[in-house]
């Protein structure tokens, strides 16, 4: 999901690869063991949103950004805001998790999906569109019935983390491929 909002510095193609593998492992754990403690899950999500929000805001200042600064600012502020609230009040967040968190995650997934679809039309390829559509579908399901979604939240989060992990891994290999093509062109010149 949020994978496509991450850019890689030249030579650092392996960073999203490692993050993608970690995201897939976490997603599988959430699906296999949905009874995970809500407090642990909420705390992890608080840190995750906060860090991802900071990176989205930092990307605004990147000369290589692929998305308009407004999208990045919106996504970043949403992440920082949600992360700080959850970390400040983890017990309240766990109590309201079934509804509020499903709504926030649904909105977040739809925003990420829209960004991925935009990127598909600006040169990131068809996989970005496929992942964007999957994000929007998962976000729509969460928003359509947040209480029911809250009861199955660990599984829904698992799916989102797996989608995001796949996107990160794809980003790492496409970045590495682009770097290799550039190196070959430089050698040929």
C-alpha atoms as a PDB file:
ATOM      1  CA  UNK A   1       0.000   0.000   0.000  1.00  0.00           C
ATOM      2  CA  UNK A   2       2.257   2.816   1.173  1.00  0.00           C
ATOM      3  CA  UNK A   3       5.051   1.248  -0.624  1.00  0.00           C
ATOM      4  CA  UNK A   4       4.675   3.320  -3.732  1.00  0.00           C
ATOM      5  CA  UNK A   5       5.062   6.546  -1.795  1.00  0.00           C
ATOM      6  CA  UNK A   6       8.633   5.642  -0.979  1.00  0.00           C
ATOM      7  CA  UNK A   7      11.459   6.790  -3.264  1.00  0.00           C
ATOM      8  CA  UNK A   8      14.900   5.273  -3.198  1.00  0.00           C
ATOM      9  CA  UNK A   9      18.147   7.177  -3.190  1.00  0.00           C
ATOM     10  CA  UNK A  10      20.598   6.170  -5.920  1.00  0.00           C
ATOM     11  CA  UNK A  11      22.406   2.984  -4.891  1.00  0.00           C
ATOM     12  CA  UNK A  12      19.919   2.220  -2.118  1.00  0.00           C
ATOM     13  CA  UNK A  13      17.601  -0.076  -4.112  1.00  0.00           C
ATOM     14  CA  UNK A  14      17.852  -2.693  -1.357  1.00  0.00           C
ATOM     15  CA  UNK A  15      16.140  -0.477   1.276  1.00  0.00           C
ATOM     16  CA  UNK A  16      12.602  -0.992  -0.111  1.00  0.00           C
ATOM     17  CA  UNK A  17      13.465  -4.674  -0.687  1.00  0.00           C
ATOM     18  CA  UNK A  18      14.169  -5.174   3.026  1.00  0.00           C
ATOM     19  CA  UNK A  19      11.115  -3.093   3.996  1.00  0.00           C
ATOM     20  CA  UNK A  20       8.972  -5.079   1.547  1.00  0.00           C
ATOM     21  CA  UNK A  21      10.083  -8.428   2.948  1.00  0.00           C
ATOM     22  CA  UNK A  22       9.401  -7.189   6.496  1.00  0.00           C
ATOM     23  CA  UNK A  23       5.973  -5.926   5.418  1.00  0.00           C
ATOM     24  CA  UNK A  24       5.068  -9.285   3.853  1.00  0.00           C
ATOM     25  CA  UNK A  25       6.233 -11.185   6.952  1.00  0.00           C
ATOM     26  CA  UNK A  26       4.158  -8.895   9.186  1.00  0.00           C
ATOM     27  CA  UNK A  27       1.156  -9.289   6.877  1.00  0.00           C
ATOM     28  CA  UNK A  28       1.413 -13.073   7.002  1.00  0.00           C
ATOM     29  CA  UNK A  29       1.701 -12.998  10.810  1.00  0.00           C
ATOM     30  CA  UNK A  30      -1.441 -10.870  11.058  1.00  0.00           C
ATOM     31  CA  UNK A  31      -3.367 -13.271   8.813  1.00  0.00           C
ATOM     32  CA  UNK A  32      -2.093 -16.449  10.490  1.00  0.00           C
ATOM     33  CA  UNK A  33      -2.426 -15.121  14.052  1.00  0.00           C
ATOM     34  CA  UNK A  34      -5.336 -12.642  14.091  1.00  0.00           C
ATOM     35  CA  UNK A  35      -5.617 -12.900  17.868  1.00  0.00           C
ATOM     36  CA  UNK A  36      -2.484 -10.749  18.284  1.00  0.00           C
ATOM     37  CA  UNK A  37      -2.742  -8.344  21.184  1.00  0.00           C
ATOM     38  CA  UNK A  38      -4.589  -5.188  20.151  1.00  0.00           C
ATOM     39  CA  UNK A  39      -2.300  -3.072  22.290  1.00  0.00           C
ATOM     40  CA  UNK A  40       0.814  -4.380  20.516  1.00  0.00           C
ATOM     41  CA  UNK A  41      -0.882  -3.942  17.145  1.00  0.00           C
ATOM     42  CA  UNK A  42      -2.003  -0.412  17.984  1.00  0.00           C
ATOM     43  CA  UNK A  43       1.462   0.586  19.208  1.00  0.00           C
ATOM     44  CA  UNK A  44       3.097  -0.801  16.078  1.00  0.00           C
ATOM     45  CA  UNK A  45       0.597   1.015  13.866  1.00  0.00           C
ATOM     46  CA  UNK A  46       1.197   4.262  15.738  1.00  0.00           C
ATOM     47  CA  UNK A  47       4.933   4.086  15.044  1.00  0.00           C
ATOM     48  CA  UNK A  48       4.347   2.927  11.478  1.00  0.00           C
ATOM     49  CA  UNK A  49       1.977   5.811  10.646  1.00  0.00           C
ATOM     50  CA  UNK A  50       4.187   8.375  12.342  1.00  0.00           C
ATOM     51  CA  UNK A  51       7.334   7.279  10.475  1.00  0.00           C
ATOM     52  CA  UNK A  52       5.563   6.896   7.138  1.00  0.00           C
ATOM     53  CA  UNK A  53       3.962  10.315   7.589  1.00  0.00           C
ATOM     54  CA  UNK A  54       7.344  11.911   8.254  1.00  0.00           C
ATOM     55  CA  UNK A  55       8.819  10.277   5.133  1.00  0.00           C
ATOM     56  CA  UNK A  56       5.870  11.426   3.015  1.00  0.00           C
ATOM     57  CA  UNK A  57       6.318  15.010   4.210  1.00  0.00           C
ATOM     58  CA  UNK A  58      10.089  14.798   3.614  1.00  0.00           C
ATOM     59  CA  UNK A  59       9.450  13.605   0.042  1.00  0.00           C
ATOM     60  CA  UNK A  60       7.794  16.974  -0.667  1.00  0.00           C
ATOM     61  CA  UNK A  61      11.296  18.474  -0.764  1.00  0.00           C
ATOM     62  CA  UNK A  62      12.690  15.829  -3.118  1.00  0.00           C
ATOM     63  CA  UNK A  63      13.396  17.142  -6.615  1.00  0.00           C
ATOM     64  CA  UNK A  64      12.607  13.654  -7.966  1.00  0.00           C
ATOM     65  CA  UNK A  65       9.150  13.283  -6.451  1.00  0.00           C
ATOM     66  CA  UNK A  66       6.573  11.705  -8.754  1.00  0.00           C
ATOM     67  CA  UNK A  67       3.468  12.988  -6.966  1.00  0.00           C
ATOM     68  CA  UNK A  68       2.319  16.529  -6.273  1.00  0.00           C
ATOM     69  CA  UNK A  69       3.248  18.030  -2.939  1.00  0.00           C
ATOM     70  CA  UNK A  70      -0.423  18.333  -1.934  1.00  0.00           C
ATOM     71  CA  UNK A  71      -0.933  14.562  -2.031  1.00  0.00           C
ATOM     72  CA  UNK A  72       2.266  13.973  -0.087  1.00  0.00           C
ATOM     73  CA  UNK A  73       1.405  16.625   2.494  1.00  0.00           C
ATOM     74  CA  UNK A  74      -2.103  15.189   2.969  1.00  0.00           C
ATOM     75  CA  UNK A  75      -0.793  11.652   3.312  1.00  0.00           C
ATOM     76  CA  UNK A  76       2.046  12.781   5.575  1.00  0.00           C
ATOM     77  CA  UNK A  77      -0.124  14.858   7.898  1.00  0.00           C
ATOM     78  CA  UNK A  78      -2.685  12.054   8.128  1.00  0.00           C
ATOM     79  CA  UNK A  79       0.089   9.613   9.046  1.00  0.00           C
ATOM     80  CA  UNK A  80       1.716  11.886  11.627  1.00  0.00           C
ATOM     81  CA  UNK A  81      -1.647  12.836  13.164  1.00  0.00           C
ATOM     82  CA  UNK A  82      -2.888   9.237  13.394  1.00  0.00           C
ATOM     83  CA  UNK A  83       0.471   8.002  14.681  1.00  0.00           C
ATOM     84  CA  UNK A  84       0.712  10.617  17.436  1.00  0.00           C
ATOM     85  CA  UNK A  85      -2.863  10.049  18.609  1.00  0.00           C
ATOM     86  CA  UNK A  86      -2.435   6.287  18.737  1.00  0.00           C
ATOM     87  CA  UNK A  87       0.931   6.484  20.526  1.00  0.00           C
ATOM     88  CA  UNK A  88      -0.362   9.056  23.016  1.00  0.00           C
ATOM     89  CA  UNK A  89      -3.493   7.041  23.859  1.00  0.00           C
ATOM     90  CA  UNK A  90      -2.876   3.364  23.036  1.00  0.00           C
ATOM     91  CA  UNK A  91      -5.521   2.034  25.453  1.00  0.00           C
ATOM     92  CA  UNK A  92      -8.212   4.312  24.040  1.00  0.00           C
ATOM     93  CA  UNK A  93      -7.077   3.459  20.537  1.00  0.00           C
ATOM     94  CA  UNK A  94      -7.376  -0.252  21.334  1.00  0.00           C
ATOM     95  CA  UNK A  95     -10.872   0.292  22.771  1.00  0.00           C
ATOM     96  CA  UNK A  96     -12.048   2.139  19.659  1.00  0.00           C
ATOM     97  CA  UNK A  97     -10.007   0.035  17.264  1.00  0.00           C
ATOM     98  CA  UNK A  98     -12.882  -1.867  15.637  1.00  0.00           C
ATOM     99  CA  UNK A  99     -14.470   1.236  14.134  1.00  0.00           C
ATOM    100  CA  UNK A 100     -12.128   4.225  14.165  1.00  0.00           C
ATOM    101  CA  UNK A 101      -9.047   2.370  13.010  1.00  0.00           C
ATOM    102  CA  UNK A 102     -10.954   0.650  10.210  1.00  0.00           C
ATOM    103  CA  UNK A 103     -12.107   4.070   8.975  1.00  0.00           C
ATOM    104  CA  UNK A 104      -8.611   5.599   9.162  1.00  0.00           C
ATOM    105  CA  UNK A 105      -7.036   2.599   7.442  1.00  0.00           C
ATOM    106  CA  UNK A 106      -9.768   2.646   4.793  1.00  0.00           C
ATOM    107  CA  UNK A 107      -9.134   6.316   4.001  1.00  0.00           C
ATOM    108  CA  UNK A 108      -5.379   5.731   4.044  1.00  0.00           C
ATOM    109  CA  UNK A 109      -5.665   2.754   1.669  1.00  0.00           C
ATOM    110  CA  UNK A 110      -7.791   4.751  -0.771  1.00  0.00           C
ATOM    111  CA  UNK A 111      -5.303   7.664  -0.748  1.00  0.00           C
ATOM    112  CA  UNK A 112      -2.402   5.279  -1.356  1.00  0.00           C
ATOM    113  CA  UNK A 113      -4.410   3.594  -4.117  1.00  0.00           C
ATOM    114  CA  UNK A 114      -5.079   6.914  -5.843  1.00  0.00           C
ATOM    115  CA  UNK A 115      -1.398   7.836  -5.653  1.00  0.00           C
ATOM    116  CA  UNK A 116      -0.413   4.453  -7.117  1.00  0.00           C
ATOM    117  CA  UNK A 117      -2.893   4.830  -9.982  1.00  0.00           C
ATOM    118  CA  UNK A 118      -1.577   8.341 -10.666  1.00  0.00           C
ATOM    119  CA  UNK A 119       1.962   6.954 -10.730  1.00  0.00           C
ATOM    120  CA  UNK A 120       0.905   4.247 -13.167  1.00  0.00           C
ATOM    121  CA  UNK A 121      -0.081   6.970 -15.628  1.00  0.00           C
ATOM    122  CA  UNK A 122       3.131   8.924 -15.063  1.00  0.00           C
ATOM    123  CA  UNK A 123       5.589   6.168 -15.887  1.00  0.00           C
ATOM    124  CA  UNK A 124       5.643   3.718 -12.975  1.00  0.00           C
ATOM    125  CA  UNK A 125       4.014   0.945 -14.995  1.00  0.00           C
ATOM    126  CA  UNK A 126       0.960  -1.255 -14.857  1.00  0.00           C
ATOM    127  CA  UNK A 127       1.798  -2.886 -11.529  1.00  0.00           C
ATOM    128  CA  UNK A 128       1.356   0.449  -9.804  1.00  0.00           C
ATOM    129  CA  UNK A 129      -2.202   0.609 -11.211  1.00  0.00           C
ATOM    130  CA  UNK A 130      -2.980  -2.973 -10.145  1.00  0.00           C
ATOM    131  CA  UNK A 131      -1.702  -2.340  -6.625  1.00  0.00           C
ATOM    132  CA  UNK A 132      -3.563   0.983  -6.517  1.00  0.00           C
ATOM    133  CA  UNK A 133      -6.828  -0.700  -7.480  1.00  0.00           C
ATOM    134  CA  UNK A 134      -6.285  -3.390  -4.821  1.00  0.00           C
ATOM    135  CA  UNK A 135      -5.624  -0.683  -2.211  1.00  0.00           C
ATOM    136  CA  UNK A 136      -8.818   1.150  -3.196  1.00  0.00           C
ATOM    137  CA  UNK A 137     -10.870  -2.068  -3.015  1.00  0.00           C
ATOM    138  CA  UNK A 138      -9.539  -2.932   0.449  1.00  0.00           C
ATOM    139  CA  UNK A 139     -10.081   0.680   1.594  1.00  0.00           C
ATOM    140  CA  UNK A 140     -13.630   0.670   0.215  1.00  0.00           C
ATOM    141  CA  UNK A 141     -14.456  -2.582   2.012  1.00  0.00           C
ATOM    142  CA  UNK A 142     -13.153  -1.129   5.281  1.00  0.00           C
ATOM    143  CA  UNK A 143     -15.215   2.047   4.864  1.00  0.00           C
ATOM    144  CA  UNK A 144     -18.380   0.220   3.770  1.00  0.00           C
ATOM    145  CA  UNK A 145     -18.699  -1.585   7.091  1.00  0.00           C
ATOM    146  CA  UNK A 146     -16.176  -0.337   9.640  1.00  0.00           C
ATOM    147  CA  UNK A 147     -17.580  -2.308  12.594  1.00  0.00           C
ATOM    148  CA  UNK A 148     -17.498  -5.606  10.714  1.00  0.00           C
ATOM    149  CA  UNK A 149     -14.139  -4.641   9.249  1.00  0.00           C
ATOM    150  CA  UNK A 150     -12.870  -3.866  12.745  1.00  0.00           C
ATOM    151  CA  UNK A 151     -13.657  -7.407  13.832  1.00  0.00           C
ATOM    152  CA  UNK A 152     -11.570  -8.727  10.961  1.00  0.00           C
ATOM    153  CA  UNK A 153      -9.022  -5.918  11.166  1.00  0.00           C
ATOM    154  CA  UNK A 154      -5.933  -8.109  11.657  1.00  0.00           C
ATOM    155  CA  UNK A 155      -6.707  -9.995   8.446  1.00  0.00           C
ATOM    156  CA  UNK A 156      -7.450  -6.786   6.523  1.00  0.00           C
ATOM    157  CA  UNK A 157      -4.203  -5.256   7.796  1.00  0.00           C
ATOM    158  CA  UNK A 158      -2.373  -8.416   6.827  1.00  0.00           C
ATOM    159  CA  UNK A 159      -3.658  -8.083   3.266  1.00  0.00           C
ATOM    160  CA  UNK A 160      -2.640  -4.401   3.148  1.00  0.00           C
ATOM    161  CA  UNK A 161       0.843  -5.155   4.473  1.00  0.00           C
ATOM    162  CA  UNK A 162       1.299  -7.931   1.910  1.00  0.00           C
ATOM    163  CA  UNK A 163       0.165  -5.615  -0.914  1.00  0.00           C
ATOM    164  CA  UNK A 164       2.515  -2.916   0.366  1.00  0.00           C
ATOM    165  CA  UNK A 165       5.365  -5.399   0.673  1.00  0.00           C
ATOM    166  CA  UNK A 166       4.881  -6.570  -2.906  1.00  0.00           C
ATOM    167  CA  UNK A 167       4.881  -2.954  -4.063  1.00  0.00           C
ATOM    168  CA  UNK A 168       8.096  -2.221  -2.150  1.00  0.00           C
ATOM    169  CA  UNK A 169       9.830  -5.272  -3.583  1.00  0.00           C
ATOM    170  CA  UNK A 170       8.671  -4.296  -7.077  1.00  0.00           C
ATOM    171  CA  UNK A 171       9.969  -0.763  -6.496  1.00  0.00           C
ATOM    172  CA  UNK A 172      13.368  -2.064  -5.374  1.00  0.00           C
ATOM    173  CA  UNK A 173      13.827  -4.284  -8.427  1.00  0.00           C
ATOM    174  CA  UNK A 174      12.579  -1.645 -10.859  1.00  0.00           C
ATOM    175  CA  UNK A 175      14.954   0.887  -9.272  1.00  0.00           C
ATOM    176  CA  UNK A 176      17.822  -1.584  -9.517  1.00  0.00           C
ATOM    177  CA  UNK A 177      16.957  -2.294 -13.161  1.00  0.00           C
ATOM    178  CA  UNK A 178      16.876   1.413 -13.971  1.00  0.00           C
ATOM    179  CA  UNK A 179      20.237   1.885 -12.267  1.00  0.00           C
ATOM    180  CA  UNK A 180      21.751  -0.965 -14.296  1.00  0.00           C
ATOM    181  CA  UNK A 181      20.360   0.438 -17.558  1.00  0.00           C
ATOM    182  CA  UNK A 182      21.814   3.826 -16.708  1.00  0.00           C
ATOM    183  CA  UNK A 183      25.205   2.261 -15.915  1.00  0.00           C
ATOM    184  CA  UNK A 184      25.202   0.404 -19.265  1.00  0.00           C
ATOM    185  CA  UNK A 185      24.337   3.616 -21.112  1.00  0.00           C
ATOM    186  CA  UNK A 186      27.146   5.477 -19.320  1.00  0.00           C
ATOM    187  CA  UNK A 187      29.658   2.750 -20.227  1.00  0.00           C
ATOM    188  CA  UNK A 188      28.488   2.697 -23.851  1.00  0.00           C
ATOM    189  CA  UNK A 189      28.865   6.462 -24.172  1.00  0.00           C
END
